[in-house]
Amino acid sequence: VYSLRNDYKIAAVNLSLGGEKAFTACDTRPIQRILSQLRSVGIAPVIAAGNNGFSQSLSMPACASSAISI
């Protein structure tokens, strides 16, 4: 998506993923750098808060501080 940003008007990236539980920001993961890069050029990374049914936490990668978790 990042490499296509000059060819297309991309407003957001939608990810519907489920991963491990996270009770704090998971900014040490490699995905944080990618999400920050997208945000820096105006592309909103919108990520599902969790498809695993967690009720007390987010799942990875929605826990990244650059993610817009929904």
Protein backbone atom coordinates (compact mmCIF):
# COMPACT_ATOMS: atom_id res chain seq x y z
CA VAL A 1 0.00 0.00 0.00
CA TYR A 2 2.77 2.42 0.93
CA SER A 3 4.49 1.88 -2.42
CA LEU A 4 1.21 2.55 -4.27
CA ARG A 5 0.46 5.82 -2.45
CA ASN A 6 1.60 7.97 -5.38
CA ASP A 7 -0.38 5.99 -7.95
CA TYR A 8 -3.70 5.93 -6.06
CA LYS A 9 -5.47 8.14 -3.54
CA ILE A 10 -5.47 5.78 -0.59
CA ALA A 11 -7.19 7.04 2.55
CA ALA A 12 -7.10 3.91 4.68
CA VAL A 13 -5.98 0.34 5.02
CA ASN A 14 -8.44 -2.05 6.63
CA LEU A 15 -7.07 -5.10 8.41
CA SER A 16 -9.27 -7.72 10.00
CA LEU A 17 -6.85 -9.86 11.92
CA GLY A 18 -6.75 -11.74 15.17
CA GLY A 19 -3.66 -12.45 17.17
CA GLU A 20 -2.35 -12.74 20.67
CA LYS A 21 -3.83 -10.73 23.56
CA ALA A 22 -2.25 -7.39 24.36
CA PHE A 23 -2.99 -5.40 27.49
CA THR A 24 -0.58 -2.59 26.57
CA ALA A 25 0.67 -1.00 23.36
CA CYS A 26 2.69 -3.46 21.28
CA ASP A 27 4.99 -0.85 19.78
CA THR A 28 8.09 -3.03 19.89
CA ARG A 29 6.67 -5.23 17.13
CA PRO A 30 7.83 -4.65 13.53
CA ILE A 31 4.26 -3.80 12.47
CA GLN A 32 4.44 -0.54 14.46
CA ARG A 33 7.06 0.85 12.08
CA ILE A 34 4.90 -0.01 9.07
CA LEU A 35 1.78 1.51 10.59
CA SER A 36 3.67 4.67 11.54
CA GLN A 37 4.97 4.94 8.00
CA LEU A 38 1.42 4.74 6.64
CA ARG A 39 0.19 7.36 9.11
CA SER A 40 3.06 9.69 8.16
CA VAL A 41 1.73 9.91 4.60
CA GLY A 42 -1.93 10.28 5.59
CA ILE A 43 -3.05 6.66 5.22
CA ALA A 44 -5.10 5.50 8.21
CA PRO A 45 -4.39 1.93 9.32
CA VAL A 46 -7.77 0.72 10.60
CA ILE A 47 -7.46 -2.62 12.37
CA ALA A 48 -10.02 -4.88 14.00
CA ALA A 49 -9.67 -4.78 17.79
CA GLY A 50 -9.87 -8.54 17.81
CA ASN A 51 -11.54 -11.38 16.03
CA ASN A 52 -10.81 -13.78 18.86
CA GLY A 53 -13.57 -12.54 21.17
CA PHE A 54 -11.27 -11.02 23.80
CA SER A 55 -13.33 -8.78 26.09
CA GLN A 56 -10.56 -7.32 28.27
CA SER A 57 -7.82 -6.64 25.71
CA LEU A 58 -6.94 -5.86 22.12
CA SER A 59 -5.37 -8.36 19.83
CA MET A 60 -2.17 -7.95 17.88
CA PRO A 61 -1.74 -5.78 15.71
CA ALA A 62 -4.59 -3.50 16.85
CA CYS A 63 -2.57 -2.87 20.01
CA ALA A 64 0.01 -0.78 18.10
CA SER A 65 -0.26 2.89 19.01
CA SER A 66 -0.29 3.90 15.32
CA ALA A 67 -3.29 1.66 14.65
CA ILE A 68 -6.86 2.88 14.68
CA SER A 69 -8.48 -0.04 16.45
CA ILE A 70 -12.17 -0.68 15.88
